[in-house]
């Protein structure tokens, strides 16, 4: 088989096995980042990395969980880069020797923005997803992978890189928290009567 034929076969395999999971990867990226624009960037980088590493993938195995693993790793690395960049900027205080004043960098004077808050304000009616999004990342990922994407424990272990006992523990705690939040919301909105335990 020539290199061209191998490359063509790899491209067809990638299109056949990886591309059908693009929607699932986008949903996962959106829940991780909270921003449609950032989710699109995550998906793009995920599939670029997956394509470049396609020779390491075993055809016919769990492509979806492999892609979600790449997506989560890309997200965590980007968050770490943002955190380090912010720490560097926060230490950049310019000292003006002539006036003996401490001058904040221009970036510090810009109004703060909350893209996640703006995004979720637009879909405030989506209470369940909002509740999931409020979970810490490790719990949020476990719930999304299990209850939204339908992955098995073994696949979640592969994506998150933690023991199955940790996965089960995170799912239990996350679901317990969600149950309380959603119960409180149902009572507050009058959907549920806590005294009778029945819906209104």
N, C-alpha and C. Protein backbone atom coordinates (compact mmCIF):
# COMPACT_ATOMS: atom_id res chain seq x y z
N UNK A 1 0.85 -1.20 0.00
CA UNK A 1 0.00 0.00 0.00
C UNK A 1 0.89 1.24 0.00
N UNK A 2 0.60 2.18 -0.87
CA UNK A 2 1.41 3.39 -0.97
C UNK A 2 1.04 4.37 0.13
N UNK A 3 1.93 5.34 0.45
CA UNK A 3 1.62 6.35 1.47
C UNK A 3 0.33 7.10 1.16
N UNK A 4 0.08 7.37 -0.15
CA UNK A 4 -1.13 8.09 -0.53
C UNK A 4 -2.36 7.28 -0.18
N UNK A 5 -2.31 5.99 -0.49
CA UNK A 5 -3.45 5.12 -0.18
C UNK A 5 -3.67 5.05 1.32
N UNK A 6 -2.59 4.98 2.09
CA UNK A 6 -2.70 4.93 3.55
C UNK A 6 -3.33 6.21 4.08
N UNK A 7 -2.90 7.35 3.54
CA UNK A 7 -3.43 8.63 3.97
C UNK A 7 -4.92 8.73 3.62
N UNK A 8 -5.29 8.29 2.43
CA UNK A 8 -6.68 8.33 2.02
C UNK A 8 -7.54 7.44 2.90
N UNK A 9 -7.02 6.24 3.22
CA UNK A 9 -7.76 5.33 4.09
C UNK A 9 -7.93 5.93 5.47
N UNK A 10 -6.88 6.61 5.96
CA UNK A 10 -6.97 7.24 7.27
C UNK A 10 -7.98 8.36 7.28
N UNK A 11 -8.02 9.15 6.21
CA UNK A 11 -8.99 10.24 6.12
C UNK A 11 -10.41 9.69 6.09
N UNK A 12 -10.62 8.65 5.31
CA UNK A 12 -11.96 8.05 5.24
C UNK A 12 -12.35 7.46 6.59
N UNK A 13 -11.39 6.83 7.27
CA UNK A 13 -11.67 6.28 8.59
C UNK A 13 -12.03 7.35 9.60
N UNK A 14 -11.30 8.47 9.53
CA UNK A 14 -11.58 9.60 10.42
C UNK A 14 -12.98 10.15 10.15
N UNK A 15 -13.30 10.33 8.89
CA UNK A 15 -14.63 10.85 8.53
C UNK A 15 -15.73 9.89 8.96
N UNK A 16 -15.47 8.60 8.84
CA UNK A 16 -16.47 7.58 9.17
C UNK A 16 -16.68 7.44 10.68
N UNK A 17 -15.59 7.46 11.45
CA UNK A 17 -15.69 7.16 12.88
C UNK A 17 -15.72 8.40 13.78
N UNK A 18 -14.98 9.43 13.41
CA UNK A 18 -14.86 10.59 14.31
C UNK A 18 -15.91 11.66 14.05
N UNK A 19 -16.12 12.02 12.80
CA UNK A 19 -17.00 13.15 12.49
C UNK A 19 -18.44 12.98 12.98
N UNK A 20 -19.00 11.75 12.99
CA UNK A 20 -20.37 11.62 13.51
C UNK A 20 -20.53 12.04 14.97
N UNK A 21 -19.42 12.16 15.72
CA UNK A 21 -19.48 12.52 17.14
C UNK A 21 -19.27 14.02 17.37
N UNK A 22 -19.27 14.80 16.29
CA UNK A 22 -18.99 16.23 16.44
C UNK A 22 -20.03 16.93 17.31
N UNK A 23 -21.29 16.56 17.17
CA UNK A 23 -22.34 17.19 18.00
C UNK A 23 -22.14 16.87 19.47
N UNK A 24 -21.79 15.62 19.77
CA UNK A 24 -21.56 15.22 21.16
C UNK A 24 -20.37 15.98 21.75
N UNK A 25 -19.31 16.13 20.97
CA UNK A 25 -18.14 16.86 21.44
C UNK A 25 -18.49 18.33 21.66
N UNK A 26 -19.31 18.90 20.77
CA UNK A 26 -19.72 20.30 20.96
C UNK A 26 -20.56 20.46 22.23
N UNK A 27 -21.50 19.55 22.47
CA UNK A 27 -22.32 19.64 23.69
C UNK A 27 -21.45 19.58 24.93
N UNK A 28 -20.48 18.67 24.92
CA UNK A 28 -19.56 18.52 26.05
C UNK A 28 -18.73 19.79 26.22
N UNK A 29 -18.19 20.30 25.11
CA UNK A 29 -17.37 21.52 25.16
C UNK A 29 -18.18 22.71 25.66
N UNK A 30 -19.45 22.79 25.25
CA UNK A 30 -20.31 23.89 25.67
C UNK A 30 -20.57 23.84 27.17
N UNK A 31 -20.81 22.67 27.69
CA UNK A 31 -21.06 22.54 29.13
C UNK A 31 -19.78 22.80 29.92
N UNK A 32 -18.62 22.44 29.37
CA UNK A 32 -17.36 22.71 30.06
C UNK A 32 -17.05 24.21 30.09
N UNK A 33 -17.21 24.85 28.94
CA UNK A 33 -16.75 26.24 28.81
C UNK A 33 -17.83 27.27 29.14
N UNK A 34 -19.10 26.93 28.87
CA UNK A 34 -20.17 27.87 29.09
C UNK A 34 -20.28 28.94 28.02
N UNK A 35 -19.51 28.82 26.96
CA UNK A 35 -19.51 29.82 25.90
C UNK A 35 -19.58 29.14 24.55
N UNK A 36 -20.57 29.45 23.72
CA UNK A 36 -20.65 28.84 22.39
C UNK A 36 -19.39 29.09 21.55
N UNK A 37 -18.86 30.30 21.62
CA UNK A 37 -17.67 30.62 20.83
C UNK A 37 -16.48 29.79 21.30
N UNK A 38 -16.30 29.70 22.61
CA UNK A 38 -15.19 28.90 23.14
C UNK A 38 -15.41 27.42 22.85
N UNK A 39 -16.66 26.97 22.90
CA UNK A 39 -16.96 25.57 22.60
C UNK A 39 -16.59 25.24 21.16
N UNK A 40 -16.88 26.16 20.24
CA UNK A 40 -16.51 25.94 18.84
C UNK A 40 -15.00 25.83 18.68
N UNK A 41 -14.26 26.68 19.41
CA UNK A 41 -12.80 26.61 19.36
C UNK A 41 -12.31 25.28 19.92
N UNK A 42 -12.93 24.84 21.02
CA UNK A 42 -12.55 23.56 21.62
C UNK A 42 -12.80 22.40 20.65
N UNK A 43 -13.93 22.43 19.98
CA UNK A 43 -14.26 21.37 19.01
C UNK A 43 -13.25 21.37 17.88
N UNK A 44 -12.94 22.55 17.38
CA UNK A 44 -11.98 22.66 16.28
C UNK A 44 -10.62 22.09 16.69
N UNK A 45 -10.15 22.48 17.86
CA UNK A 45 -8.84 22.00 18.32
C UNK A 45 -8.89 20.51 18.62
N UNK A 46 -10.01 20.05 19.18
CA UNK A 46 -10.15 18.61 19.47
C UNK A 46 -10.04 17.78 18.21
N UNK A 47 -10.77 18.15 17.17
CA UNK A 47 -10.77 17.36 15.94
C UNK A 47 -9.46 17.51 15.18
N UNK A 48 -8.82 18.66 15.30
CA UNK A 48 -7.50 18.82 14.69
C UNK A 48 -6.50 17.88 15.36
N UNK A 49 -6.50 17.86 16.70
CA UNK A 49 -5.59 16.97 17.42
C UNK A 49 -5.92 15.51 17.13
N UNK A 50 -7.22 15.19 17.07
CA UNK A 50 -7.62 13.82 16.79
C UNK A 50 -7.17 13.38 15.40
N UNK A 51 -7.30 14.27 14.43
CA UNK A 51 -6.89 13.93 13.06
C UNK A 51 -5.38 13.70 13.00
N UNK A 52 -4.65 14.58 13.69
CA UNK A 52 -3.19 14.44 13.67
C UNK A 52 -2.73 13.17 14.39
N UNK A 53 -3.55 12.70 15.35
CA UNK A 53 -3.19 11.52 16.13
C UNK A 53 -3.97 10.28 15.69
N UNK A 54 -4.61 10.36 14.53
CA UNK A 54 -5.50 9.28 14.10
C UNK A 54 -4.78 7.94 13.99
N UNK A 55 -3.50 7.98 13.67
CA UNK A 55 -2.73 6.72 13.54
C UNK A 55 -2.62 6.00 14.88
N UNK A 56 -2.82 6.72 16.00
CA UNK A 56 -2.74 6.11 17.33
C UNK A 56 -4.07 5.51 17.76
N UNK A 57 -5.13 5.82 17.02
CA UNK A 57 -6.46 5.32 17.36
C UNK A 57 -6.66 3.94 16.74
N UNK A 58 -7.26 3.03 17.52
CA UNK A 58 -7.56 1.69 17.02
C UNK A 58 -8.95 1.70 16.41
N UNK A 59 -9.05 1.50 15.10
CA UNK A 59 -10.36 1.56 14.44
C UNK A 59 -11.37 0.60 15.07
N UNK A 60 -12.60 1.09 15.18
CA UNK A 60 -13.67 0.25 15.71
C UNK A 60 -13.80 0.28 17.22
N UNK A 61 -12.91 1.01 17.92
CA UNK A 61 -13.01 1.09 19.38
C UNK A 61 -13.85 2.31 19.74
N UNK A 62 -13.77 2.74 21.00
CA UNK A 62 -14.67 3.80 21.50
C UNK A 62 -14.19 5.17 21.07
N UNK A 63 -14.55 5.55 19.87
CA UNK A 63 -14.09 6.82 19.30
C UNK A 63 -14.67 8.00 20.06
N UNK A 64 -15.93 7.89 20.47
CA UNK A 64 -16.58 9.00 21.15
C UNK A 64 -15.85 9.35 22.45
N UNK A 65 -15.56 8.35 23.27
CA UNK A 65 -14.88 8.63 24.53
C UNK A 65 -13.46 9.12 24.28
N UNK A 66 -12.81 8.62 23.22
CA UNK A 66 -11.47 9.09 22.86
C UNK A 66 -11.51 10.58 22.52
N UNK A 67 -12.49 10.99 21.74
CA UNK A 67 -12.63 12.40 21.38
C UNK A 67 -12.96 13.27 22.59
N UNK A 68 -13.83 12.77 23.46
CA UNK A 68 -14.20 13.54 24.65
C UNK A 68 -13.00 13.69 25.60
N UNK A 69 -12.15 12.68 25.62
CA UNK A 69 -10.92 12.77 26.42
C UNK A 69 -10.03 13.89 25.89
N UNK A 70 -9.86 13.93 24.57
CA UNK A 70 -9.05 14.99 23.96
C UNK A 70 -9.66 16.36 24.26
N UNK A 71 -10.98 16.46 24.13
CA UNK A 71 -11.67 17.73 24.37
C UNK A 71 -11.45 18.21 25.80
N UNK A 72 -11.60 17.32 26.76
CA UNK A 72 -11.44 17.69 28.17
C UNK A 72 -10.00 18.13 28.45
N UNK A 73 -9.04 17.41 27.88
CA UNK A 73 -7.63 17.78 28.08
C UNK A 73 -7.32 19.14 27.47
N UNK A 74 -7.87 19.41 26.29
CA UNK A 74 -7.68 20.72 25.65
C UNK A 74 -8.28 21.82 26.52
N UNK A 75 -9.47 21.57 27.05
CA UNK A 75 -10.14 22.55 27.92
C UNK A 75 -9.32 22.83 29.17
N UNK A 76 -8.85 21.77 29.84
CA UNK A 76 -8.10 21.95 31.08
C UNK A 76 -6.78 22.68 30.82
N UNK A 77 -6.12 22.35 29.71
CA UNK A 77 -4.87 23.05 29.38
C UNK A 77 -5.13 24.52 29.08
N UNK A 78 -6.23 24.82 28.37
CA UNK A 78 -6.53 26.22 28.06
C UNK A 78 -6.84 27.00 29.33
N UNK A 79 -7.55 26.38 30.27
CA UNK A 79 -7.86 27.03 31.54
C UNK A 79 -6.58 27.30 32.33
N UNK A 80 -5.65 26.37 32.29
CA UNK A 80 -4.38 26.56 33.00
C UNK A 80 -3.59 27.69 32.38
N UNK A 81 -3.59 27.78 31.04
CA UNK A 81 -2.88 28.88 30.37
C UNK A 81 -3.50 30.22 30.73
N UNK A 82 -4.84 30.28 30.76
CA UNK A 82 -5.53 31.52 31.13
C UNK A 82 -5.19 31.92 32.56
N UNK A 83 -5.18 30.93 33.47
CA UNK A 83 -4.87 31.22 34.87
C UNK A 83 -3.45 31.77 35.02
N UNK A 84 -2.49 31.14 34.35
CA UNK A 84 -1.11 31.60 34.44
C UNK A 84 -0.96 32.99 33.83
N UNK A 85 -1.63 33.22 32.70
CA UNK A 85 -1.56 34.54 32.05
C UNK A 85 -2.14 35.61 32.96
N UNK A 86 -3.25 35.29 33.62
CA UNK A 86 -3.89 36.27 34.52
C UNK A 86 -2.98 36.58 35.69
N UNK A 87 -2.31 35.56 36.23
CA UNK A 87 -1.40 35.79 37.36
C UNK A 87 -0.25 36.69 36.96
N UNK A 88 0.26 36.49 35.74
CA UNK A 88 1.36 37.32 35.26
C UNK A 88 0.89 38.77 35.11
N UNK A 89 -0.29 38.95 34.51
CA UNK A 89 -0.81 40.30 34.31
C UNK A 89 -1.08 41.01 35.64
N UNK A 90 -1.57 40.26 36.61
CA UNK A 90 -1.88 40.86 37.90
C UNK A 90 -0.62 41.33 38.63
N UNK A 91 0.52 40.73 38.28
CA UNK A 91 1.78 41.15 38.91
C UNK A 91 2.42 42.32 38.16
N UNK A 92 1.86 42.64 36.98
CA UNK A 92 2.45 43.71 36.15
C UNK A 92 1.92 45.06 36.59
N UNK A 93 2.47 45.57 37.63
CA UNK A 93 2.13 46.92 38.08
C UNK A 93 3.29 47.83 37.67
N UNK A 94 2.95 48.86 36.95
CA UNK A 94 3.97 49.76 36.43
C UNK A 94 4.27 50.84 37.48
N UNK A 95 5.54 50.96 37.84
CA UNK A 95 5.93 51.96 38.83
C UNK A 95 6.49 53.19 38.13
N UNK A 96 5.82 54.32 38.31
CA UNK A 96 6.25 55.57 37.69
C UNK A 96 7.18 56.30 38.66
N UNK A 97 8.49 56.26 38.35
CA UNK A 97 9.47 56.83 39.26
C UNK A 97 9.34 58.36 39.38
N UNK A 98 8.95 59.03 38.30
CA UNK A 98 8.86 60.50 38.32
C UNK A 98 7.80 60.98 39.30
N UNK A 99 6.64 60.33 39.28
CA UNK A 99 5.56 60.79 40.16
C UNK A 99 5.42 59.94 41.41
N UNK A 100 6.22 58.89 41.48
CA UNK A 100 6.15 57.96 42.61
C UNK A 100 4.74 57.35 42.75
N UNK A 101 4.08 57.20 41.58
CA UNK A 101 2.75 56.61 41.59
C UNK A 101 2.81 55.17 41.10
N UNK A 102 1.90 54.39 41.61
CA UNK A 102 1.73 53.04 41.09
C UNK A 102 0.59 53.09 40.08
N UNK A 103 0.91 52.78 38.83
CA UNK A 103 -0.08 52.87 37.76
C UNK A 103 -0.48 51.47 37.33
N UNK A 104 -1.77 51.23 37.35
CA UNK A 104 -2.27 49.92 36.91
C UNK A 104 -2.17 49.82 35.39
N UNK A 105 -1.89 48.66 34.86
CA UNK A 105 -1.89 48.50 33.40
C UNK A 105 -3.28 48.82 32.83
N UNK A 106 -3.31 49.17 31.55
CA UNK A 106 -4.57 49.55 30.91
C UNK A 106 -5.60 48.43 31.00
N UNK A 107 -5.13 47.16 30.87
CA UNK A 107 -6.09 46.04 30.89
C UNK A 107 -6.87 46.00 32.19
N UNK A 108 -6.23 46.47 33.28
CA UNK A 108 -6.89 46.42 34.58
C UNK A 108 -8.01 47.45 34.69
N UNK A 109 -7.97 48.47 33.80
CA UNK A 109 -8.99 49.52 33.85
C UNK A 109 -10.22 49.17 33.01
N UNK A 110 -10.10 48.12 32.21
CA UNK A 110 -11.23 47.75 31.36
C UNK A 110 -12.35 47.18 32.21
N UNK A 111 -13.61 47.41 31.82
CA UNK A 111 -14.72 46.84 32.58
C UNK A 111 -14.68 45.32 32.52
N UNK A 112 -14.91 44.70 33.65
CA UNK A 112 -14.90 43.24 33.68
C UNK A 112 -16.10 42.71 32.92
N UNK A 113 -15.93 41.56 32.32
CA UNK A 113 -17.04 40.95 31.59
C UNK A 113 -17.27 39.55 32.13
N UNK A 114 -18.45 39.08 31.96
CA UNK A 114 -18.82 37.74 32.42
C UNK A 114 -19.54 37.03 31.29
N UNK A 115 -18.75 36.52 30.31
CA UNK A 115 -19.39 35.88 29.15
C UNK A 115 -20.26 34.70 29.55
N UNK A 116 -19.83 33.93 30.57
CA UNK A 116 -20.65 32.80 31.00
C UNK A 116 -21.97 33.31 31.57
N UNK A 117 -21.90 34.38 32.38
CA UNK A 117 -23.12 34.91 32.96
C UNK A 117 -24.07 35.43 31.89
N UNK A 118 -23.50 36.14 30.89
CA UNK A 118 -24.33 36.65 29.80
C UNK A 118 -24.98 35.52 29.02
N UNK A 119 -24.20 34.49 28.77
CA UNK A 119 -24.74 33.36 28.01
C UNK A 119 -25.88 32.69 28.76
N UNK A 120 -25.66 32.42 30.06
CA UNK A 120 -26.68 31.70 30.80
C UNK A 120 -27.89 32.57 31.12
N UNK A 121 -27.70 33.90 31.14
CA UNK A 121 -28.86 34.77 31.29
C UNK A 121 -29.80 34.62 30.11
N UNK A 122 -29.22 34.31 28.94
CA UNK A 122 -30.03 34.17 27.73
C UNK A 122 -30.84 32.88 27.74
N UNK A 123 -30.42 31.91 28.52
CA UNK A 123 -31.16 30.64 28.57
C UNK A 123 -31.54 30.33 30.01
N UNK A 124 -31.97 31.38 30.73
CA UNK A 124 -32.23 31.24 32.16
C UNK A 124 -33.31 30.21 32.45
N UNK A 125 -34.19 29.98 31.45
CA UNK A 125 -35.24 28.99 31.67
C UNK A 125 -34.74 27.57 31.71
N UNK A 126 -33.53 27.35 31.27
CA UNK A 126 -33.00 25.99 31.21
C UNK A 126 -32.38 25.63 32.56
N UNK A 127 -33.23 25.36 33.52
CA UNK A 127 -32.81 25.22 34.92
C UNK A 127 -31.88 24.02 35.13
N UNK A 128 -32.18 22.93 34.49
CA UNK A 128 -31.38 21.72 34.71
C UNK A 128 -29.95 21.93 34.24
N UNK A 129 -29.79 22.47 33.04
CA UNK A 129 -28.44 22.71 32.53
C UNK A 129 -27.71 23.76 33.36
N UNK A 130 -28.45 24.75 33.82
CA UNK A 130 -27.82 25.75 34.69
C UNK A 130 -27.31 25.10 35.97
N UNK A 131 -28.12 24.20 36.51
CA UNK A 131 -27.71 23.52 37.74
C UNK A 131 -26.47 22.67 37.50
N UNK A 132 -26.42 22.00 36.36
CA UNK A 132 -25.24 21.20 36.01
C UNK A 132 -24.03 22.10 35.86
N UNK A 133 -24.23 23.23 35.20
CA UNK A 133 -23.11 24.14 34.95
C UNK A 133 -22.53 24.74 36.22
N UNK A 134 -23.32 24.78 37.29
CA UNK A 134 -22.85 25.32 38.56
C UNK A 134 -21.98 24.33 39.34
N UNK A 135 -21.97 23.09 38.89
CA UNK A 135 -21.16 22.09 39.57
C UNK A 135 -19.68 22.34 39.32
N UNK A 136 -18.80 21.94 40.26
CA UNK A 136 -17.36 21.99 39.99
C UNK A 136 -17.04 21.13 38.76
N UNK A 137 -15.96 21.46 38.06
CA UNK A 137 -15.66 20.83 36.77
C UNK A 137 -15.65 19.30 36.84
N UNK A 138 -15.03 18.73 37.86
CA UNK A 138 -14.91 17.27 37.90
C UNK A 138 -16.27 16.59 38.07
N UNK A 139 -17.18 17.23 38.82
CA UNK A 139 -18.53 16.69 38.97
C UNK A 139 -19.36 16.94 37.71
N UNK A 140 -19.19 18.13 37.15
CA UNK A 140 -19.93 18.50 35.95
C UNK A 140 -19.57 17.55 34.81
N UNK A 141 -18.29 17.28 34.63
CA UNK A 141 -17.86 16.37 33.57
C UNK A 141 -18.46 14.98 33.75
N UNK A 142 -18.44 14.49 34.98
CA UNK A 142 -18.98 13.15 35.24
C UNK A 142 -20.46 13.07 34.88
N UNK A 143 -21.22 14.07 35.29
CA UNK A 143 -22.67 14.07 35.01
C UNK A 143 -22.94 14.19 33.51
N UNK A 144 -22.22 15.08 32.84
CA UNK A 144 -22.42 15.26 31.40
C UNK A 144 -22.12 13.96 30.66
N UNK A 145 -20.98 13.36 31.00
CA UNK A 145 -20.56 12.14 30.31
C UNK A 145 -21.53 10.99 30.55
N UNK A 146 -22.03 10.89 31.78
CA UNK A 146 -22.93 9.78 32.13
C UNK A 146 -24.37 10.05 31.72
N UNK A 147 -24.92 11.16 32.19
CA UNK A 147 -26.36 11.38 32.07
C UNK A 147 -26.77 12.12 30.80
N UNK A 148 -25.84 12.85 30.18
CA UNK A 148 -26.17 13.55 28.94
C UNK A 148 -25.67 12.76 27.73
N UNK A 149 -24.42 12.30 27.80
CA UNK A 149 -23.84 11.58 26.67
C UNK A 149 -24.00 10.06 26.76
N UNK A 150 -24.40 9.56 27.91
CA UNK A 150 -24.69 8.13 28.04
C UNK A 150 -23.48 7.21 28.04
N UNK A 151 -22.33 7.71 28.46
CA UNK A 151 -21.14 6.86 28.50
C UNK A 151 -21.20 5.91 29.69
N UNK A 152 -20.57 4.76 29.53
CA UNK A 152 -20.49 3.78 30.61
C UNK A 152 -19.43 4.22 31.62
N UNK A 153 -19.40 3.56 32.79
CA UNK A 153 -18.38 3.86 33.79
C UNK A 153 -16.98 3.71 33.18
N UNK A 154 -16.79 2.62 32.42
CA UNK A 154 -15.47 2.36 31.83
C UNK A 154 -15.06 3.48 30.89
N UNK A 155 -16.01 4.00 30.11
CA UNK A 155 -15.69 5.08 29.19
C UNK A 155 -15.41 6.38 29.93
N UNK A 156 -16.15 6.62 31.02
CA UNK A 156 -15.91 7.84 31.81
C UNK A 156 -14.54 7.77 32.48
N UNK A 157 -14.17 6.60 32.95
CA UNK A 157 -12.83 6.39 33.52
C UNK A 157 -11.77 6.76 32.49
N UNK A 158 -12.01 6.34 31.24
CA UNK A 158 -11.06 6.62 30.16
C UNK A 158 -10.96 8.11 29.88
N UNK A 159 -12.10 8.79 29.88
CA UNK A 159 -12.11 10.23 29.57
C UNK A 159 -11.48 11.04 30.70
N UNK A 160 -11.87 10.73 31.95
CA UNK A 160 -11.46 11.56 33.08
C UNK A 160 -10.13 11.13 33.71
N UNK A 161 -9.72 9.89 33.42
CA UNK A 161 -8.45 9.42 33.94
C UNK A 161 -8.42 9.22 35.44
N UNK A 162 -9.56 8.79 36.00
CA UNK A 162 -9.65 8.52 37.44
C UNK A 162 -10.23 7.12 37.64
N UNK A 163 -10.04 6.51 38.82
CA UNK A 163 -10.58 5.17 39.07
C UNK A 163 -12.11 5.16 39.02
N UNK A 164 -12.66 3.97 38.78
CA UNK A 164 -14.11 3.85 38.66
C UNK A 164 -14.80 4.24 39.96
N UNK A 165 -14.17 3.98 41.11
CA UNK A 165 -14.74 4.37 42.39
C UNK A 165 -14.89 5.87 42.51
N UNK A 166 -13.92 6.60 41.97
CA UNK A 166 -13.98 8.06 41.98
C UNK A 166 -15.11 8.56 41.09
N UNK A 167 -15.26 7.91 39.93
CA UNK A 167 -16.35 8.28 39.02
C UNK A 167 -17.69 8.10 39.72
N UNK A 168 -17.88 6.95 40.35
CA UNK A 168 -19.15 6.67 41.03
C UNK A 168 -19.40 7.66 42.17
N UNK A 169 -18.35 7.98 42.91
CA UNK A 169 -18.47 8.93 44.01
C UNK A 169 -18.85 10.31 43.51
N UNK A 170 -18.21 10.76 42.42
CA UNK A 170 -18.51 12.08 41.87
C UNK A 170 -19.93 12.14 41.33
N UNK A 171 -20.35 11.05 40.68
CA UNK A 171 -21.72 11.01 40.15
C UNK A 171 -22.73 11.06 41.29
N UNK A 172 -22.46 10.30 42.35
CA UNK A 172 -23.38 10.26 43.49
C UNK A 172 -23.51 11.65 44.11
N UNK A 173 -22.39 12.31 44.36
CA UNK A 173 -22.42 13.63 44.98
C UNK A 173 -23.06 14.67 44.07
N UNK A 174 -22.73 14.59 42.78
CA UNK A 174 -23.30 15.56 41.83
C UNK A 174 -24.80 15.38 41.73
N UNK A 175 -25.26 14.14 41.62
CA UNK A 175 -26.69 13.89 41.49
C UNK A 175 -27.45 14.29 42.76
N UNK A 176 -26.83 14.05 43.90
CA UNK A 176 -27.46 14.44 45.16
C UNK A 176 -27.62 15.96 45.23
N UNK A 177 -26.57 16.67 44.81
CA UNK A 177 -26.63 18.13 44.79
C UNK A 177 -27.71 18.62 43.81
N UNK A 178 -27.73 18.04 42.62
CA UNK A 178 -28.71 18.44 41.62
C UNK A 178 -30.13 18.17 42.09
N UNK A 179 -30.31 17.04 42.75
CA UNK A 179 -31.64 16.70 43.25
C UNK A 179 -32.13 17.76 44.24
N UNK A 180 -31.23 18.20 45.12
CA UNK A 180 -31.61 19.23 46.10
C UNK A 180 -31.92 20.56 45.41
N UNK A 181 -31.06 20.97 44.49
CA UNK A 181 -31.25 22.24 43.79
C UNK A 181 -32.57 22.24 43.02
N UNK A 182 -32.81 21.16 42.30
CA UNK A 182 -34.01 21.09 41.47
C UNK A 182 -35.27 20.93 42.34
N UNK A 183 -35.14 20.25 43.47
CA UNK A 183 -36.27 20.14 44.40
C UNK A 183 -36.62 21.52 44.95
N UNK A 184 -35.59 22.25 45.39
CA UNK A 184 -35.82 23.61 45.93
C UNK A 184 -36.45 24.50 44.87
N UNK A 185 -35.98 24.37 43.62
CA UNK A 185 -36.54 25.18 42.54
C UNK A 185 -38.01 24.82 42.30
N UNK A 186 -38.32 23.53 42.31
CA UNK A 186 -39.70 23.09 42.08
C UNK A 186 -40.63 23.62 43.17
N UNK A 187 -40.13 23.62 44.42
CA UNK A 187 -40.93 24.15 45.53
C UNK A 187 -41.12 25.66 45.37
N UNK A 188 -40.01 26.35 45.05
CA UNK A 188 -40.06 27.81 44.91
C UNK A 188 -41.02 28.24 43.81
N UNK A 189 -41.06 27.47 42.71
CA UNK A 189 -41.92 27.82 41.58
C UNK A 189 -43.35 27.31 41.75
N UNK A 190 -43.59 26.57 42.83
CA UNK A 190 -44.94 26.08 43.08
C UNK A 190 -45.29 24.81 42.34
N UNK A 191 -44.25 24.15 41.73
CA UNK A 191 -44.51 22.91 41.02
C UNK A 191 -44.70 21.74 41.98
N UNK A 192 -44.17 21.89 43.17
CA UNK A 192 -44.17 20.78 44.13
C UNK A 192 -44.56 21.31 45.50
N UNK A 193 -45.41 20.55 46.15
CA UNK A 193 -45.83 20.88 47.52
C UNK A 193 -45.01 20.03 48.47
N UNK A 194 -44.05 20.62 49.18
CA UNK A 194 -43.18 19.83 50.05
C UNK A 194 -43.92 19.14 51.17
N UNK A 195 -45.05 19.70 51.57
CA UNK A 195 -45.82 19.09 52.67
C UNK A 195 -46.44 17.77 52.24
N UNK A 196 -46.97 17.76 51.02
CA UNK A 196 -47.63 16.54 50.56
C UNK A 196 -46.73 15.67 49.72
N UNK A 197 -45.64 16.29 49.21
CA UNK A 197 -44.73 15.55 48.37
C UNK A 197 -45.27 15.32 46.97
N UNK A 198 -46.32 16.06 46.62
CA UNK A 198 -46.94 15.88 45.31
C UNK A 198 -46.76 17.14 44.48
N UNK A 199 -46.96 16.99 43.18
CA UNK A 199 -46.86 18.15 42.30
C UNK A 199 -48.12 18.97 42.38
N UNK A 200 -47.96 20.27 42.11
CA UNK A 200 -49.10 21.19 42.21
C UNK A 200 -50.05 20.99 41.04
